[in-house]
C-alpha atoms as a PDB file:
ATOM      1  CA  UNK A   1      23.727  -0.876   6.946  1.00  0.00           C
ATOM      2  CA  UNK A   2      20.706  -2.372   8.203  1.00  0.00           C
ATOM      3  CA  UNK A   3      19.002  -1.510  11.750  1.00  0.00           C
ATOM      4  CA  UNK A   4      17.628  -3.239  14.058  1.00  0.00           C
ATOM      5  CA  UNK A   5      14.532  -2.175  15.935  1.00  0.00           C
ATOM      6  CA  UNK A   6      11.717  -3.691  18.347  1.00  0.00           C
ATOM      7  CA  UNK A   7       9.697  -0.816  16.842  1.00  0.00           C
ATOM      8  CA  UNK A   8       9.427   1.784  14.207  1.00  0.00           C
ATOM      9  CA  UNK A   9       6.232   3.687  13.622  1.00  0.00           C
ATOM     10  CA  UNK A  10       5.947   6.139  10.061  1.00  0.00           C
ATOM     11  CA  UNK A  11       3.252   8.487   9.016  1.00  0.00           C
ATOM     12  CA  UNK A  12       3.175  10.439   5.217  1.00  0.00           C
ATOM     13  CA  UNK A  13       1.254  11.492   3.447  1.00  0.00           C
ATOM     14  CA  UNK A  14       0.871   9.943  -0.462  1.00  0.00           C
ATOM     15  CA  UNK A  15       0.777  12.269  -3.439  1.00  0.00           C
ATOM     16  CA  UNK A  16      -0.452  11.655  -6.985  1.00  0.00           C
ATOM     17  CA  UNK A  17       1.604  11.275 -10.147  1.00  0.00           C
ATOM     18  CA  UNK A  18       2.006  14.601 -10.971  1.00  0.00           C
ATOM     19  CA  UNK A  19       0.137  15.840 -14.041  1.00  0.00           C
ATOM     20  CA  UNK A  20      -1.996  13.160 -14.129  1.00  0.00           C
ATOM     21  CA  UNK A  21      -5.521  13.615 -13.298  1.00  0.00           C
ATOM     22  CA  UNK A  22      -6.942  12.568  -9.689  1.00  0.00           C
ATOM     23  CA  UNK A  23      -9.644  12.406  -7.352  1.00  0.00           C
ATOM     24  CA  UNK A  24      -9.509  15.427  -4.978  1.00  0.00           C
ATOM     25  CA  UNK A  25      -8.229  13.289  -2.001  1.00  0.00           C
ATOM     26  CA  UNK A  26      -6.222  13.209   1.019  1.00  0.00           C
ATOM     27  CA  UNK A  27      -4.267  10.005   1.520  1.00  0.00           C
ATOM     28  CA  UNK A  28      -2.441   9.092   4.483  1.00  0.00           C
ATOM     29  CA  UNK A  29      -0.351   5.864   5.063  1.00  0.00           C
ATOM     30  CA  UNK A  30       1.293   4.580   8.321  1.00  0.00           C
ATOM     31  CA  UNK A  31       3.160   1.436   9.006  1.00  0.00           C
ATOM     32  CA  UNK A  32       3.617   0.062  12.638  1.00  0.00           C
ATOM     33  CA  UNK A  33       7.001  -2.174  11.891  1.00  0.00           C
ATOM     34  CA  UNK A  34       7.695  -4.971  14.816  1.00  0.00           C
ATOM     35  CA  UNK A  35      10.377  -7.117  14.954  1.00  0.00           C
ATOM     36  CA  UNK A  36       8.556  -9.997  16.147  1.00  0.00           C
ATOM     37  CA  UNK A  37       4.961 -10.372  14.992  1.00  0.00           C
ATOM     38  CA  UNK A  38       2.601  -8.781  12.536  1.00  0.00           C
ATOM     39  CA  UNK A  39       3.161  -5.377  10.508  1.00  0.00           C
ATOM     40  CA  UNK A  40       0.358  -3.039  10.385  1.00  0.00           C
ATOM     41  CA  UNK A  41      -0.376  -0.576   7.661  1.00  0.00           C
ATOM     42  CA  UNK A  42      -3.235   1.845   7.569  1.00  0.00           C
ATOM     43  CA  UNK A  43      -4.352   3.913   4.785  1.00  0.00           C
ATOM     44  CA  UNK A  44      -6.660   6.709   5.271  1.00  0.00           C
ATOM     45  CA  UNK A  45      -8.547   8.206   2.384  1.00  0.00           C
ATOM     46  CA  UNK A  46     -10.310  11.745   3.114  1.00  0.00           C
ATOM     47  CA  UNK A  47     -12.289  14.082   0.341  1.00  0.00           C
ATOM     48  CA  UNK A  48     -10.491  17.502   0.244  1.00  0.00           C
ATOM     49  CA  UNK A  49     -13.309  19.967   1.328  1.00  0.00           C
ATOM     50  CA  UNK A  50     -11.282  22.987  -0.623  1.00  0.00           C
ATOM     51  CA  UNK A  51     -11.609  21.003  -3.871  1.00  0.00           C
ATOM     52  CA  UNK A  52     -14.966  18.785  -3.932  1.00  0.00           C
ATOM     53  CA  UNK A  53     -17.896  18.588  -1.852  1.00  0.00           C
ATOM     54  CA  UNK A  54     -18.269  14.953  -3.104  1.00  0.00           C
ATOM     55  CA  UNK A  55     -18.245  11.815  -0.782  1.00  0.00           C
ATOM     56  CA  UNK A  56     -15.899   9.484  -1.714  1.00  0.00           C
ATOM     57  CA  UNK A  57     -18.445   7.172  -2.928  1.00  0.00           C
ATOM     58  CA  UNK A  58     -19.508   9.410  -5.262  1.00  0.00           C
ATOM     59  CA  UNK A  59     -15.698   9.785  -6.132  1.00  0.00           C
ATOM     60  CA  UNK A  60     -14.429   6.453  -6.489  1.00  0.00           C
ATOM     61  CA  UNK A  61     -15.273   2.644  -7.414  1.00  0.00           C
ATOM     62  CA  UNK A  62     -14.973   0.167  -4.404  1.00  0.00           C
ATOM     63  CA  UNK A  63     -16.872  -1.783  -2.080  1.00  0.00           C
ATOM     64  CA  UNK A  64     -16.824   1.091   0.572  1.00  0.00           C
ATOM     65  CA  UNK A  65     -19.862  -0.644   2.175  1.00  0.00           C
ATOM     66  CA  UNK A  66     -18.935  -4.340   2.726  1.00  0.00           C
ATOM     67  CA  UNK A  67     -16.937  -5.054   5.780  1.00  0.00           C
ATOM     68  CA  UNK A  68     -14.117  -6.955   5.181  1.00  0.00           C
ATOM     69  CA  UNK A  69     -13.284 -10.553   5.403  1.00  0.00           C
ATOM     70  CA  UNK A  70     -10.323 -12.588   4.705  1.00  0.00           C
ATOM     71  CA  UNK A  71      -9.995 -12.318   1.031  1.00  0.00           C
ATOM     72  CA  UNK A  72      -8.900 -14.418  -1.822  1.00  0.00           C
ATOM     73  CA  UNK A  73      -5.241 -14.459  -3.223  1.00  0.00           C
ATOM     74  CA  UNK A  74      -5.427 -12.467  -6.404  1.00  0.00           C
ATOM     75  CA  UNK A  75      -3.632 -11.484  -9.213  1.00  0.00           C
ATOM     76  CA  UNK A  76      -3.734  -7.805 -11.155  1.00  0.00           C
ATOM     77  CA  UNK A  77      -5.243  -6.349  -8.167  1.00  0.00           C
ATOM     78  CA  UNK A  78      -3.732  -2.784  -9.052  1.00  0.00           C
ATOM     79  CA  UNK A  79      -6.470  -2.794 -12.302  1.00  0.00           C
ATOM     80  CA  UNK A  80      -8.475  -1.213  -9.487  1.00  0.00           C
ATOM     81  CA  UNK A  81      -8.319   0.791  -5.790  1.00  0.00           C
ATOM     82  CA  UNK A  82      -5.660  -1.473  -4.438  1.00  0.00           C
ATOM     83  CA  UNK A  83      -3.245  -0.303  -1.207  1.00  0.00           C
ATOM     84  CA  UNK A  84       0.480  -1.401  -1.885  1.00  0.00           C
ATOM     85  CA  UNK A  85       3.434  -1.679   0.271  1.00  0.00           C
ATOM     86  CA  UNK A  86       7.003  -2.477  -0.945  1.00  0.00           C
ATOM     87  CA  UNK A  87       9.714  -4.110   1.338  1.00  0.00           C
ATOM     88  CA  UNK A  88      13.176  -3.982   0.559  1.00  0.00           C
ATOM     89  CA  UNK A  89      16.142  -5.798   1.900  1.00  0.00           C
ATOM     90  CA  UNK A  90      18.358  -3.004   3.164  1.00  0.00           C
ATOM     91  CA  UNK A  91      21.891  -3.029   0.784  1.00  0.00           C
ATOM     92  CA  UNK A  92      20.257  -5.577  -1.396  1.00  0.00           C
ATOM     93  CA  UNK A  93      17.995  -5.576  -4.730  1.00  0.00           C
ATOM     94  CA  UNK A  94      15.594  -8.224  -3.275  1.00  0.00           C
ATOM     95  CA  UNK A  95      12.384  -6.977  -2.131  1.00  0.00           C
ATOM     96  CA  UNK A  96       8.339  -7.872  -2.026  1.00  0.00           C
ATOM     97  CA  UNK A  97       5.099  -6.208  -2.999  1.00  0.00           C
ATOM     98  CA  UNK A  98       1.935  -6.866  -0.939  1.00  0.00           C
ATOM     99  CA  UNK A  99      -1.449  -5.642  -2.830  1.00  0.00           C
ATOM    100  CA  UNK A 100      -4.417  -5.375  -0.940  1.00  0.00           C
ATOM    101  CA  UNK A 101      -7.872  -4.697  -2.366  1.00  0.00           C
ATOM    102  CA  UNK A 102     -10.510  -2.881  -0.690  1.00  0.00           C
ATOM    103  CA  UNK A 103     -12.469  -6.335  -0.947  1.00  0.00           C
ATOM    104  CA  UNK A 104      -9.848  -8.079   1.343  1.00  0.00           C
ATOM    105  CA  UNK A 105      -8.358  -9.529  -1.905  1.00  0.00           C
ATOM    106  CA  UNK A 106      -4.797  -9.695  -1.671  1.00  0.00           C
ATOM    107  CA  UNK A 107      -1.388 -11.174  -3.337  1.00  0.00           C
ATOM    108  CA  UNK A 108       2.350 -10.532  -1.821  1.00  0.00           C
ATOM    109  CA  UNK A 109       5.353 -10.831  -5.155  1.00  0.00           C
ATOM    110  CA  UNK A 110       8.743 -11.432  -4.486  1.00  0.00           C
ATOM    111  CA  UNK A 111      11.201  -9.619  -6.940  1.00  0.00           C
ATOM    112  CA  UNK A 112      15.118 -10.609  -7.024  1.00  0.00           C
ATOM    113  CA  UNK A 113      15.795  -6.822  -8.640  1.00  0.00           C
ATOM    114  CA  UNK A 114      14.068  -4.155 -10.203  1.00  0.00           C
ATOM    115  CA  UNK A 115      10.638  -5.596 -11.733  1.00  0.00           C
ATOM    116  CA  UNK A 116      12.567  -8.954 -11.920  1.00  0.00           C
ATOM    117  CA  UNK A 117      10.562 -12.050 -11.007  1.00  0.00           C
ATOM    118  CA  UNK A 118       7.189 -11.164  -9.510  1.00  0.00           C
ATOM    119  CA  UNK A 119       6.581 -14.539  -8.316  1.00  0.00           C
ATOM    120  CA  UNK A 120       3.926 -14.739  -5.858  1.00  0.00           C
ATOM    121  CA  UNK A 121       5.697 -15.603  -2.523  1.00  0.00           C
ATOM    122  CA  UNK A 122       4.906 -19.291  -1.379  1.00  0.00           C
ATOM    123  CA  UNK A 123       5.364 -18.427   2.529  1.00  0.00           C
ATOM    124  CA  UNK A 124       2.887 -15.602   2.906  1.00  0.00           C
ATOM    125  CA  UNK A 125       0.203 -16.129   4.823  1.00  0.00           C
ATOM    126  CA  UNK A 126      -3.214 -14.064   4.427  1.00  0.00           C
ATOM    127  CA  UNK A 127      -3.330 -10.851   5.717  1.00  0.00           C
ATOM    128  CA  UNK A 128      -5.854  -9.274   8.232  1.00  0.00           C
ATOM    129  CA  UNK A 129      -7.988  -6.890   6.439  1.00  0.00           C
ATOM    130  CA  UNK A 130     -10.317  -4.125   7.871  1.00  0.00           C
ATOM    131  CA  UNK A 131     -12.100  -1.457   6.432  1.00  0.00           C
ATOM    132  CA  UNK A 132     -14.178   1.423   8.118  1.00  0.00           C
ATOM    133  CA  UNK A 133     -15.795   5.001   7.793  1.00  0.00           C
ATOM    134  CA  UNK A 134     -14.048   7.489   9.479  1.00  0.00           C
ATOM    135  CA  UNK A 135     -16.086  10.792   9.322  1.00  0.00           C
ATOM    136  CA  UNK A 136     -16.368  11.936   5.628  1.00  0.00           C
ATOM    137  CA  UNK A 137     -13.542   9.259   4.797  1.00  0.00           C
ATOM    138  CA  UNK A 138     -12.521   6.004   5.043  1.00  0.00           C
ATOM    139  CA  UNK A 139      -9.617   3.820   6.581  1.00  0.00           C
ATOM    140  CA  UNK A 140      -8.151   0.356   5.477  1.00  0.00           C
ATOM    141  CA  UNK A 141      -6.142  -1.494   8.203  1.00  0.00           C
ATOM    142  CA  UNK A 142      -3.992  -4.023   7.247  1.00  0.00           C
ATOM    143  CA  UNK A 143      -1.991  -6.591   9.197  1.00  0.00           C
ATOM    144  CA  UNK A 144       0.753  -9.234   7.856  1.00  0.00           C
ATOM    145  CA  UNK A 145       2.938 -11.766   9.464  1.00  0.00           C
ATOM    146  CA  UNK A 146       6.079 -11.513   7.431  1.00  0.00           C
ATOM    147  CA  UNK A 147       7.919 -13.992   9.451  1.00  0.00           C
ATOM    148  CA  UNK A 148       7.535 -16.739   6.738  1.00  0.00           C
ATOM    149  CA  UNK A 149       9.729 -14.612   4.010  1.00  0.00           C
ATOM    150  CA  UNK A 150      11.318 -11.884   6.127  1.00  0.00           C
ATOM    151  CA  UNK A 151      14.296 -11.861   8.455  1.00  0.00           C
ATOM    152  CA  UNK A 152      12.820 -10.264  11.900  1.00  0.00           C
ATOM    153  CA  UNK A 153      16.010  -8.555  12.933  1.00  0.00           C
ATOM    154  CA  UNK A 154      15.922  -6.470   9.679  1.00  0.00           C
ATOM    155  CA  UNK A 155      13.852  -3.101   8.878  1.00  0.00           C
ATOM    156  CA  UNK A 156      13.010  -2.636   5.776  1.00  0.00           C
ATOM    157  CA  UNK A 157      13.319   0.225   3.404  1.00  0.00           C
ATOM    158  CA  UNK A 158       9.626   0.736   2.227  1.00  0.00           C
ATOM    159  CA  UNK A 159       7.615   2.586  -0.298  1.00  0.00           C
ATOM    160  CA  UNK A 160       3.965   2.688   0.585  1.00  0.00           C
ATOM    161  CA  UNK A 161       1.557   3.306  -2.337  1.00  0.00           C
ATOM    162  CA  UNK A 162      -2.210   3.265  -3.582  1.00  0.00           C
ATOM    163  CA  UNK A 163      -3.833   3.083  -6.959  1.00  0.00           C
ATOM    164  CA  UNK A 164      -7.298   5.011  -6.654  1.00  0.00           C
ATOM    165  CA  UNK A 165     -10.472   3.624  -8.982  1.00  0.00           C
ATOM    166  CA  UNK A 166     -12.454   6.580 -10.012  1.00  0.00           C
ATOM    167  CA  UNK A 167     -16.196   6.340 -11.088  1.00  0.00           C
ATOM    168  CA  UNK A 168     -15.184   6.738 -14.379  1.00  0.00           C
ATOM    169  CA  UNK A 169     -12.779   4.128 -14.715  1.00  0.00           C
ATOM    170  CA  UNK A 170      -9.655   6.604 -14.953  1.00  0.00           C
ATOM    171  CA  UNK A 171      -6.821   5.477 -12.355  1.00  0.00           C
ATOM    172  CA  UNK A 172      -4.671   7.257 -10.108  1.00  0.00           C
ATOM    173  CA  UNK A 173      -1.177   6.581  -8.652  1.00  0.00           C
ATOM    174  CA  UNK A 174      -0.240   7.900  -5.512  1.00  0.00           C
ATOM    175  CA  UNK A 175       2.866   7.626  -3.489  1.00  0.00           C
ATOM    176  CA  UNK A 176       5.497   9.056  -0.846  1.00  0.00           C
ATOM    177  CA  UNK A 177       7.178  10.254  -4.292  1.00  0.00           C
ATOM    178  CA  UNK A 178       7.499   9.896  -7.618  1.00  0.00           C
ATOM    179  CA  UNK A 179      10.815  10.434  -8.876  1.00  0.00           C
ATOM    180  CA  UNK A 180      10.501   9.100 -12.535  1.00  0.00           C
ATOM    181  CA  UNK A 181       8.989  10.580 -15.451  1.00  0.00           C
ATOM    182  CA  UNK A 182       6.407   7.961 -15.351  1.00  0.00           C
ATOM    183  CA  UNK A 183       4.293   6.243 -12.445  1.00  0.00           C
ATOM    184  CA  UNK A 184       6.471   3.620 -11.130  1.00  0.00           C
ATOM    185  CA  UNK A 185       5.979   2.063  -7.384  1.00  0.00           C
ATOM    186  CA  UNK A 186       8.848  -0.082  -8.046  1.00  0.00           C
ATOM    187  CA  UNK A 187      11.558   2.529  -8.086  1.00  0.00           C
ATOM    188  CA  UNK A 188      13.868   2.100  -5.221  1.00  0.00           C
ATOM    189  CA  UNK A 189      14.671   5.992  -5.019  1.00  0.00           C
ATOM    190  CA  UNK A 190      11.046   6.713  -3.706  1.00  0.00           C
ATOM    191  CA  UNK A 191      11.767   3.922  -1.078  1.00  0.00           C
ATOM    192  CA  UNK A 192      12.440   5.245   2.748  1.00  0.00           C
ATOM    193  CA  UNK A 193      14.583   4.040   5.049  1.00  0.00           C
ATOM    194  CA  UNK A 194      13.233   3.619   8.491  1.00  0.00           C
END
């Protein structure tokens, strides 16, 4: 049964897919869901000082020095560093995938079931994206107004994920959990019920 709430806040640590090569990072993801108005996502990246003393700029690819403006709607953002969120209708197979690049480029896809559809959501509006340095790390904050595609009274089941591109071009996949044998952000077993 779907929950009705005016405000939900969830803070989680993301973990790399087990056994894959990943940079020594601490990644957190925070969601603030409001029944009315935009919802907020915030992703924090910090180098893990117990493993690696290099800066994020030395380890990762990305436009880390540029302030974000409203980006363009683009496909295949997950081929580079990309902050993602999956919003699922409780008790139904339908879900949406939000992709946001550190540059501010974005897209929102609608799926009718597991990896079925994947068409750009026609009622989506561009999110507000800001990127800022914090201590030795970075924070990307995203605000998206879901009113054009989401029933306002429902709190979604959610997955918070990130793809990280390293300087050598290798990608690592970070999520709340990895229940399958391969990294698969679409796997509903990894979604949280808020």
